[in-house]
Structure formats: C-alpha cells, structure tokens
N, C-alpha and C. Protein backbone atom coordinates (compact mmCIF):
# COMPACT_ATOMS: atom_id res chain seq x y z
N UNK A 1 158.49 190.22 219.46
CA UNK A 1 159.41 191.09 219.54
C UNK A 1 160.68 190.49 218.98
N UNK A 2 161.81 191.27 218.85
CA UNK A 2 162.89 190.65 217.97
C UNK A 2 163.64 189.89 219.38
N UNK A 3 164.43 188.72 218.87
CA UNK A 3 165.08 188.01 219.91
C UNK A 3 166.15 188.87 220.50
N UNK A 4 166.77 189.70 219.86
CA UNK A 4 167.94 190.82 220.53
C UNK A 4 167.04 191.68 221.32
N UNK A 5 165.84 191.64 221.82
CA UNK A 5 165.41 192.88 222.65
C UNK A 5 166.03 192.94 223.98
N UNK A 6 166.70 191.80 224.45
CA UNK A 6 167.57 192.11 225.70
C UNK A 6 168.46 193.21 225.51
N UNK A 7 168.68 193.70 224.22
CA UNK A 7 169.80 194.76 223.99
C UNK A 7 168.98 196.04 224.26
N UNK A 8 168.05 196.01 224.60
CA UNK A 8 167.07 197.50 224.52
C UNK A 8 167.93 198.27 225.69
N UNK A 9 168.01 199.67 225.48
CA UNK A 9 168.09 200.55 226.67
C UNK A 9 166.98 201.27 227.08
N UNK A 10 166.57 201.20 228.03
CA UNK A 10 165.20 201.84 228.43
C UNK A 10 165.37 202.88 229.53
N UNK A 11 165.06 204.20 229.27
CA UNK A 11 165.16 205.19 230.27
C UNK A 11 163.68 206.00 230.63
N UNK A 12 163.51 205.80 231.79
CA UNK A 12 162.28 206.35 231.99
C UNK A 12 162.59 208.09 232.32
N UNK A 13 161.44 208.60 231.81
CA UNK A 13 161.76 210.24 231.78
C UNK A 13 161.10 210.96 232.88
N UNK A 14 160.57 209.96 233.90
CA UNK A 14 159.92 210.52 234.87
C UNK A 14 158.55 210.81 235.12
N UNK A 15 157.73 211.28 233.71
CA UNK A 15 156.49 211.47 233.37
C UNK A 15 155.60 210.49 233.12
N UNK A 16 156.03 209.10 233.39
CA UNK A 16 155.04 207.86 232.93
C UNK A 16 155.57 207.41 231.86
N UNK A 17 156.52 208.09 230.89
CA UNK A 17 157.01 207.67 229.73
C UNK A 17 158.39 207.27 229.75
N UNK A 18 158.89 206.57 228.57
CA UNK A 18 160.01 205.88 228.69
C UNK A 18 160.49 206.20 227.05
N UNK A 19 162.06 206.43 227.24
CA UNK A 19 163.09 206.75 226.06
C UNK A 19 163.48 205.21 225.54
N UNK A 20 163.24 204.56 224.54
CA UNK A 20 163.90 203.30 224.04
C UNK A 20 164.82 203.57 223.38
N UNK A 21 165.97 202.98 223.31
CA UNK A 21 167.04 203.20 222.14
C UNK A 21 167.07 201.62 221.71
N UNK A 22 166.81 201.52 220.30
CA UNK A 22 167.03 200.28 219.67
C UNK A 22 167.76 200.19 218.65
N UNK A 23 168.95 199.82 218.16
CA UNK A 23 169.72 199.68 216.96
C UNK A 23 170.17 201.20 216.72
N UNK A 24 170.39 202.24 217.53
CA UNK A 24 170.53 203.31 217.72
C UNK A 24 169.63 204.30 217.02
N UNK A 25 168.42 203.92 217.40
CA UNK A 25 167.05 205.09 217.07
C UNK A 25 166.40 204.82 218.28
N UNK A 26 165.72 206.07 218.63
CA UNK A 26 165.07 206.58 219.69
C UNK A 26 163.56 206.31 219.64
N UNK A 27 162.84 205.72 220.56
CA UNK A 27 161.38 205.47 220.64
C UNK A 27 160.78 206.13 221.81
N UNK A 28 159.69 206.68 221.96
CA UNK A 28 159.03 207.13 222.99
C UNK A 28 158.03 206.19 223.19
N UNK A 29 157.83 205.48 224.60
CA UNK A 29 156.59 204.75 225.07
C UNK A 29 156.11 204.93 226.02
N UNK A 30 154.90 204.65 226.11
CA UNK A 30 153.96 205.06 227.17
C UNK A 30 153.34 203.67 227.66
N UNK A 31 153.13 203.45 228.73
CA UNK A 31 152.70 202.23 229.58
C UNK A 31 151.05 202.75 229.56
N UNK A 32 150.10 202.02 228.58
CA UNK A 32 148.50 202.36 228.68
C UNK A 32 147.84 201.49 229.57
N UNK A 33 147.97 200.10 229.71
CA UNK A 33 147.38 199.21 230.73
C UNK A 33 148.67 198.03 230.81
N UNK A 34 148.50 197.61 231.91
CA UNK A 34 149.14 196.36 232.44
C UNK A 34 148.50 195.23 233.32
N UNK A 35 148.58 193.98 232.73
CA UNK A 35 148.02 193.02 233.46
C UNK A 35 149.08 192.15 233.61
N UNK A 36 149.70 192.33 235.03
CA UNK A 36 150.70 191.52 235.10
C UNK A 36 150.82 189.94 235.42
N UNK A 37 149.59 189.45 235.91
CA UNK A 37 149.61 187.93 236.02
C UNK A 37 149.71 187.37 234.73
N UNK A 38 149.06 187.98 233.92
CA UNK A 38 149.06 187.40 232.46
C UNK A 38 150.23 187.80 231.57
N UNK A 39 151.07 188.60 232.03
CA UNK A 39 152.40 189.39 231.27
C UNK A 39 151.85 190.01 230.21
N UNK A 40 150.78 190.62 230.06
CA UNK A 40 150.12 191.28 228.90
C UNK A 40 150.44 192.96 229.17
N UNK A 41 150.84 193.77 228.28
CA UNK A 41 151.03 195.05 228.24
C UNK A 41 150.36 196.02 227.19
N UNK A 42 149.89 196.92 227.44
CA UNK A 42 149.38 197.79 226.17
C UNK A 42 150.25 199.00 226.47
N UNK A 43 151.03 199.25 225.07
CA UNK A 43 152.17 200.32 225.02
C UNK A 43 151.80 200.91 223.85
N UNK A 44 152.00 202.21 224.22
CA UNK A 44 152.00 203.41 222.90
C UNK A 44 153.40 203.81 222.72
N UNK A 45 153.85 203.33 221.39
CA UNK A 45 155.34 203.64 221.10
C UNK A 45 155.37 204.53 219.80
N UNK A 46 155.66 205.67 219.86
CA UNK A 46 155.79 206.73 218.96
C UNK A 46 154.36 207.00 218.31
N UNK A 47 153.28 206.65 219.31
CA UNK A 47 151.98 207.19 218.71
C UNK A 47 151.12 206.12 218.64
N UNK A 48 151.58 204.85 218.34
CA UNK A 48 151.06 203.69 217.79
C UNK A 48 150.78 202.46 219.08
N UNK A 49 149.76 202.18 219.18
CA UNK A 49 149.26 201.20 220.43
C UNK A 49 149.79 199.95 219.98
N UNK A 50 150.53 199.17 220.89
CA UNK A 50 150.94 197.72 220.69
C UNK A 50 150.63 197.04 221.92
N UNK A 51 149.99 196.00 221.68
CA UNK A 51 149.63 194.93 222.55
C UNK A 51 150.95 194.09 222.95
N UNK A 52 151.64 193.59 224.00
CA UNK A 52 152.90 192.97 224.23
C UNK A 52 152.69 191.97 225.34
N UNK A 53 153.26 190.64 225.24
CA UNK A 53 153.17 189.50 226.03
C UNK A 53 154.47 189.65 226.52
N UNK A 54 155.08 189.39 227.59
CA UNK A 54 156.18 189.25 228.24
C UNK A 54 156.54 187.85 228.50
N UNK A 55 157.30 187.25 227.76
CA UNK A 55 157.63 185.78 228.13
C UNK A 55 158.61 185.63 228.93
N UNK A 56 158.62 184.86 229.56
CA UNK A 56 159.43 184.32 230.74
C UNK A 56 160.32 183.19 230.20
N UNK A 57 161.33 182.57 230.96
CA UNK A 57 162.13 181.60 230.39
C UNK A 57 161.39 180.32 230.07
N UNK A 58 160.34 179.96 230.91
CA UNK A 58 159.55 178.83 230.53
C UNK A 58 158.75 178.85 229.26
N UNK A 59 158.20 180.00 229.01
CA UNK A 59 157.79 180.24 227.82
C UNK A 59 158.58 180.09 226.45
N UNK A 60 159.85 180.57 226.84
CA UNK A 60 161.07 180.39 225.97
C UNK A 60 161.15 178.97 225.57
N UNK A 61 161.61 178.21 226.77
CA UNK A 61 161.97 176.65 226.78
C UNK A 61 160.81 175.96 225.86
N UNK A 62 159.39 176.40 226.19
CA UNK A 62 158.71 175.42 225.64
C UNK A 62 158.45 175.69 224.19
N UNK A 63 158.57 176.81 223.77
CA UNK A 63 158.71 177.08 222.35
C UNK A 63 159.87 176.60 221.92
N UNK A 64 160.76 176.68 222.29
CA UNK A 64 162.34 175.70 221.77
C UNK A 64 161.90 174.46 221.58
N UNK A 65 161.28 173.89 222.70
CA UNK A 65 161.28 172.51 222.58
C UNK A 65 160.01 171.96 221.51
N UNK A 66 159.41 173.01 221.03
CA UNK A 66 158.28 172.80 219.90
C UNK A 66 157.33 172.41 220.47
N UNK A 67 156.85 172.73 221.84
CA UNK A 67 155.63 172.11 222.53
C UNK A 67 154.49 173.09 222.37
N UNK A 68 155.02 174.48 221.93
CA UNK A 68 153.75 175.57 222.02
C UNK A 68 152.84 175.25 220.92
N UNK A 69 151.63 175.81 220.81
CA UNK A 69 150.75 175.57 219.92
C UNK A 69 151.03 176.44 218.74
N UNK A 70 151.75 176.25 217.91
CA UNK A 70 152.23 176.98 216.79
C UNK A 70 151.03 177.15 215.57
N UNK A 71 149.91 176.55 215.86
CA UNK A 71 148.93 176.76 214.73
C UNK A 71 149.22 176.00 213.47
N UNK A 72 149.75 174.88 213.72
CA UNK A 72 150.15 173.87 212.34
C UNK A 72 151.46 174.43 211.80
N UNK A 73 152.13 175.30 212.28
CA UNK A 73 153.38 175.89 211.79
C UNK A 73 154.31 174.58 211.89
N UNK A 74 155.19 174.27 210.88
CA UNK A 74 155.81 173.23 210.82
C UNK A 74 157.21 173.81 211.43
N UNK A 75 158.01 172.98 212.45
CA UNK A 75 159.11 173.26 212.81
C UNK A 75 160.35 172.61 212.15
N UNK A 76 160.85 173.55 211.06
CA UNK A 76 162.08 173.00 210.29
C UNK A 76 163.54 173.02 210.74
N UNK A 77 163.74 173.64 212.08
CA UNK A 77 164.98 173.55 212.51
C UNK A 77 165.01 173.00 214.03
N UNK A 78 165.93 172.19 214.15
CA UNK A 78 165.87 171.39 215.58
C UNK A 78 167.16 171.76 216.25
N UNK A 79 166.86 172.72 217.46
CA UNK A 79 167.95 173.08 218.24
C UNK A 79 168.17 172.21 219.43
N UNK A 80 169.38 172.45 220.06
CA UNK A 80 169.53 171.83 221.42
C UNK A 80 168.68 172.30 222.36
N UNK A 81 167.85 171.57 223.12
CA UNK A 81 167.26 172.10 224.21
C UNK A 81 168.02 172.32 225.32
N UNK A 82 169.13 172.16 225.37
CA UNK A 82 170.35 171.96 226.79
C UNK A 82 171.85 171.93 226.08
N UNK A 83 172.68 172.38 226.86
CA UNK A 83 174.09 171.89 226.29
C UNK A 83 174.41 170.21 226.38
N UNK A 84 174.84 169.62 225.90
CA UNK A 84 175.13 168.34 226.07
C UNK A 84 176.01 167.88 224.95
N UNK A 85 176.25 166.50 224.63
CA UNK A 85 177.05 165.75 223.95
C UNK A 85 176.32 165.00 222.96
N UNK A 86 176.55 164.97 221.85
CA UNK A 86 175.80 164.17 220.86
C UNK A 86 176.45 162.70 220.91
N UNK A 87 175.61 161.81 221.31
CA UNK A 87 176.03 160.37 221.64
C UNK A 87 175.57 159.67 219.94
N UNK A 88 174.56 159.93 219.39
CA UNK A 88 174.36 159.01 218.28
C UNK A 88 173.45 159.76 217.32
N UNK A 89 173.56 159.63 216.25
CA UNK A 89 172.68 160.15 215.01
C UNK A 89 172.01 159.22 214.58
N UNK A 90 170.43 159.31 214.51
CA UNK A 90 169.56 158.16 214.27
C UNK A 90 169.16 158.45 212.73
N UNK A 91 169.49 159.51 212.18
CA UNK A 91 168.81 159.85 210.74
C UNK A 91 170.04 160.28 210.02
N UNK A 92 169.76 160.26 208.73
CA UNK A 92 170.63 160.96 207.81
C UNK A 92 169.94 161.82 206.59
N UNK A 93 170.76 162.84 206.10
CA UNK A 93 170.06 163.75 205.18
C UNK A 93 169.00 162.70 204.09
N UNK A 94 167.99 163.38 203.79
CA UNK A 94 167.28 162.61 202.92
C UNK A 94 166.29 161.63 203.45
N UNK A 95 166.45 161.39 204.75
CA UNK A 95 165.38 160.42 205.57
C UNK A 95 164.05 160.81 205.76
N UNK A 96 163.00 160.21 205.74
CA UNK A 96 161.80 160.60 205.93
C UNK A 96 161.46 160.08 207.21
N UNK A 97 160.84 161.00 208.04
CA UNK A 97 160.75 160.90 209.67
C UNK A 97 159.22 161.38 209.76
N UNK A 98 158.76 160.76 210.90
CA UNK A 98 157.08 161.04 211.36
C UNK A 98 157.61 161.74 212.63
N UNK A 99 156.22 162.54 212.94
CA UNK A 99 156.57 163.18 214.11
C UNK A 99 156.68 162.02 215.16
N UNK A 100 157.43 162.68 216.29
CA UNK A 100 157.87 161.54 217.47
C UNK A 100 159.07 160.67 217.09
N UNK A 101 159.26 160.47 215.77
CA UNK A 101 160.38 159.73 215.50
C UNK A 101 161.74 160.12 215.95
N UNK A 102 162.83 159.25 216.64
CA UNK A 102 163.86 159.83 217.15
C UNK A 102 164.96 160.38 215.97
N UNK A 103 165.68 161.47 216.53
CA UNK A 103 166.41 162.07 215.36
C UNK A 103 168.11 161.79 215.92
N UNK A 104 168.18 162.21 216.92
CA UNK A 104 169.51 161.96 217.61
C UNK A 104 169.37 161.85 219.26
N UNK A 105 170.81 161.25 219.74
CA UNK A 105 170.65 161.15 221.31
C UNK A 105 171.68 162.04 221.75
N UNK A 106 171.07 163.07 222.53
CA UNK A 106 171.83 164.20 223.27
C UNK A 106 172.16 163.85 224.66
N UNK A 107 173.44 163.58 225.31
CA UNK A 107 173.57 163.18 226.90
C UNK A 107 173.81 164.58 227.46
N UNK A 108 173.06 164.59 228.28
CA UNK A 108 173.25 165.97 229.27
C UNK A 108 173.00 165.66 230.74
N UNK A 109 173.89 166.03 231.57
CA UNK A 109 173.59 165.67 232.93
C UNK A 109 173.66 164.37 233.13
N UNK A 110 174.22 163.46 232.62
CA UNK A 110 174.67 162.22 232.79
C UNK A 110 173.35 161.15 232.21
N UNK A 111 172.60 161.98 231.44
CA UNK A 111 171.13 161.47 231.16
C UNK A 111 171.23 161.25 229.60
N UNK A 112 170.74 160.14 228.89
CA UNK A 112 170.37 160.29 227.35
C UNK A 112 169.13 161.02 227.05
N UNK A 113 169.07 161.89 226.23
CA UNK A 113 167.85 162.45 225.73
C UNK A 113 167.67 162.14 224.39
N UNK A 114 166.83 161.61 223.89
CA UNK A 114 166.21 161.44 222.38
C UNK A 114 165.72 162.51 222.16
N UNK A 115 166.19 163.15 221.05
CA UNK A 115 165.65 164.46 220.47
C UNK A 115 164.79 164.10 219.50
N UNK A 116 163.36 164.36 219.65
CA UNK A 116 162.35 163.81 218.50
C UNK A 116 162.04 164.74 217.55
N UNK A 117 161.43 164.23 216.27
CA UNK A 117 160.89 165.05 215.15
C UNK A 117 159.51 165.71 215.94
N UNK A 118 159.48 167.22 215.71
CA UNK A 118 158.22 167.64 216.09
C UNK A 118 156.94 167.53 215.16
N UNK A 119 157.41 166.99 214.16
CA UNK A 119 156.21 167.04 213.00
C UNK A 119 157.03 165.79 211.84
N UNK A 120 156.19 165.49 211.03
CA UNK A 120 156.57 164.76 209.64
C UNK A 120 157.53 165.58 208.94
N UNK A 121 158.51 164.96 207.91
CA UNK A 121 159.26 165.68 207.04
C UNK A 121 160.16 164.76 206.61
N UNK A 122 161.20 165.63 205.97
CA UNK A 122 162.46 165.00 205.46
C UNK A 122 163.85 165.68 206.04
N UNK A 123 164.52 164.87 206.42
CA UNK A 123 165.69 165.56 206.89
C UNK A 123 166.70 166.26 205.74
N UNK A 124 166.90 167.41 206.08
CA UNK A 124 167.49 168.24 204.92
C UNK A 124 168.99 168.27 205.09
N UNK A 125 169.44 168.80 206.45
CA UNK A 125 170.85 168.57 206.60
C UNK A 125 171.07 168.33 208.06
N UNK A 126 172.30 167.88 208.47
CA UNK A 126 172.56 167.60 209.93
C UNK A 126 173.75 168.44 210.05
N UNK A 127 173.56 169.45 211.31
CA UNK A 127 174.59 170.28 211.62
C UNK A 127 175.65 169.96 212.50
N UNK A 128 175.41 168.57 213.24
CA UNK A 128 176.47 168.24 214.18
C UNK A 128 177.01 166.90 213.83
N UNK A 129 177.96 166.42 214.47
CA UNK A 129 178.50 164.92 214.18
C UNK A 129 178.43 164.22 215.50
N UNK A 130 178.42 162.94 215.31
CA UNK A 130 178.56 162.14 216.87
C UNK A 130 179.84 162.53 217.58
N UNK A 131 179.60 162.64 218.89
CA UNK A 131 180.82 163.00 219.41
C UNK A 131 181.34 164.59 220.12
N UNK A 132 180.11 165.44 219.31
CA UNK A 132 180.72 166.74 219.46
C UNK A 132 179.85 167.31 220.66
N UNK A 133 180.41 168.32 221.17
CA UNK A 133 179.60 168.94 222.36
C UNK A 133 178.88 170.13 221.67
N UNK A 134 177.54 170.38 222.34
CA UNK A 134 176.67 171.42 221.67
C UNK A 134 176.22 172.39 222.75
N UNK A 135 175.92 173.77 222.28
CA UNK A 135 175.52 174.49 223.19
C UNK A 135 173.93 174.70 223.21
N UNK A 136 173.34 175.09 224.18
CA UNK A 136 171.90 175.17 224.30
C UNK A 136 171.17 176.08 223.52
N UNK A 137 170.41 175.88 222.43
CA UNK A 137 170.12 176.67 221.35
C UNK A 137 170.80 176.35 220.05
N UNK A 138 171.76 175.65 219.82
CA UNK A 138 172.61 175.14 218.85
C UNK A 138 171.84 174.71 217.86
N UNK A 139 172.15 174.84 216.43
CA UNK A 139 171.21 174.18 215.48
C UNK A 139 171.96 172.79 215.49
N UNK A 140 171.18 171.77 215.26
CA UNK A 140 171.12 170.33 215.39
C UNK A 140 171.06 169.87 213.86
N UNK A 141 169.84 170.03 213.44
CA UNK A 141 169.48 169.69 211.93
C UNK A 141 168.26 170.36 211.59
N UNK A 142 168.01 170.33 210.16
CA UNK A 142 167.29 171.16 209.52
C UNK A 142 166.23 170.03 208.99
N UNK A 143 165.30 170.31 208.75
CA UNK A 143 164.05 169.50 207.97
C UNK A 143 163.34 170.42 207.04
N UNK A 144 162.65 169.35 205.87
CA UNK A 144 161.68 170.26 205.24
C UNK A 144 160.74 169.61 204.71
C-alpha cells in the first residue's frame, strides 16, 4: 500500500461497501474476509480481490530499523529511527562497511545510539552533518 494511504477518504455506503477517494479517483471496496488478530483483510476493489495486511506502528518501526525479513533485499538508505542530534559521523563517502559496523552516533533522549549498517556495502552519500538535529525518518546516508 502506498505510504500516503493515510490520506485516503473512506465513506461507507451502508450496504457493506465503501467508496474510497484516493488522488481524486473513486474506488468501490467490499470487505470479503477479515482476520483481525493477524490484521489480514480480503477486499474486492473495483471488482478485483486484494489481500491486505494492516501494519501497526510497531511493524513500521521494525521495517524502518531494517529488522524485518526483507528476503535478502539490501537496505540502501539509512533513516533516523527517532528524532535526535548527530553527535559523530563514523564513516565517509566511499568507505566500505560490513553489516553491523557503526555509521554514526545519534543522541536521543540523553542516550547515545550507534546507527549501524544493515548490510555490507559502500557509503555513497552522507545527508547529515555532525551537530545537526534530525527528525524521525529523515535520510541520514545512502549506501550502494
């Protein structure tokens, strides 16, 4: 599902169906099955069935931290897992790093957090500088 799905307008029609407005387009959705404990839904949208997993904020945090089972997909962007202050950069563009190597130190809530490489790679760009404040989800660096 798109990251901006929170911008959906959903209107129930009273007959078990819903009108969804997304990017100025209208869709008709019908709930076919729901498994609420596992957060799985089966929907029919404009006549096509879709299986949907509803992610909660913990699911998004696990993905953001690179801890999800990505099936071998490399994480090429490192984003701030929380708001904080960049205390130290431990790498420079062109540096080779291995999974688990420290990339930078981020101070958050008076604790120093070492942001580590999720996989082996080469530092492509660093998007922050020592001493700047960053927001949660802000790009810190890119790897290749």
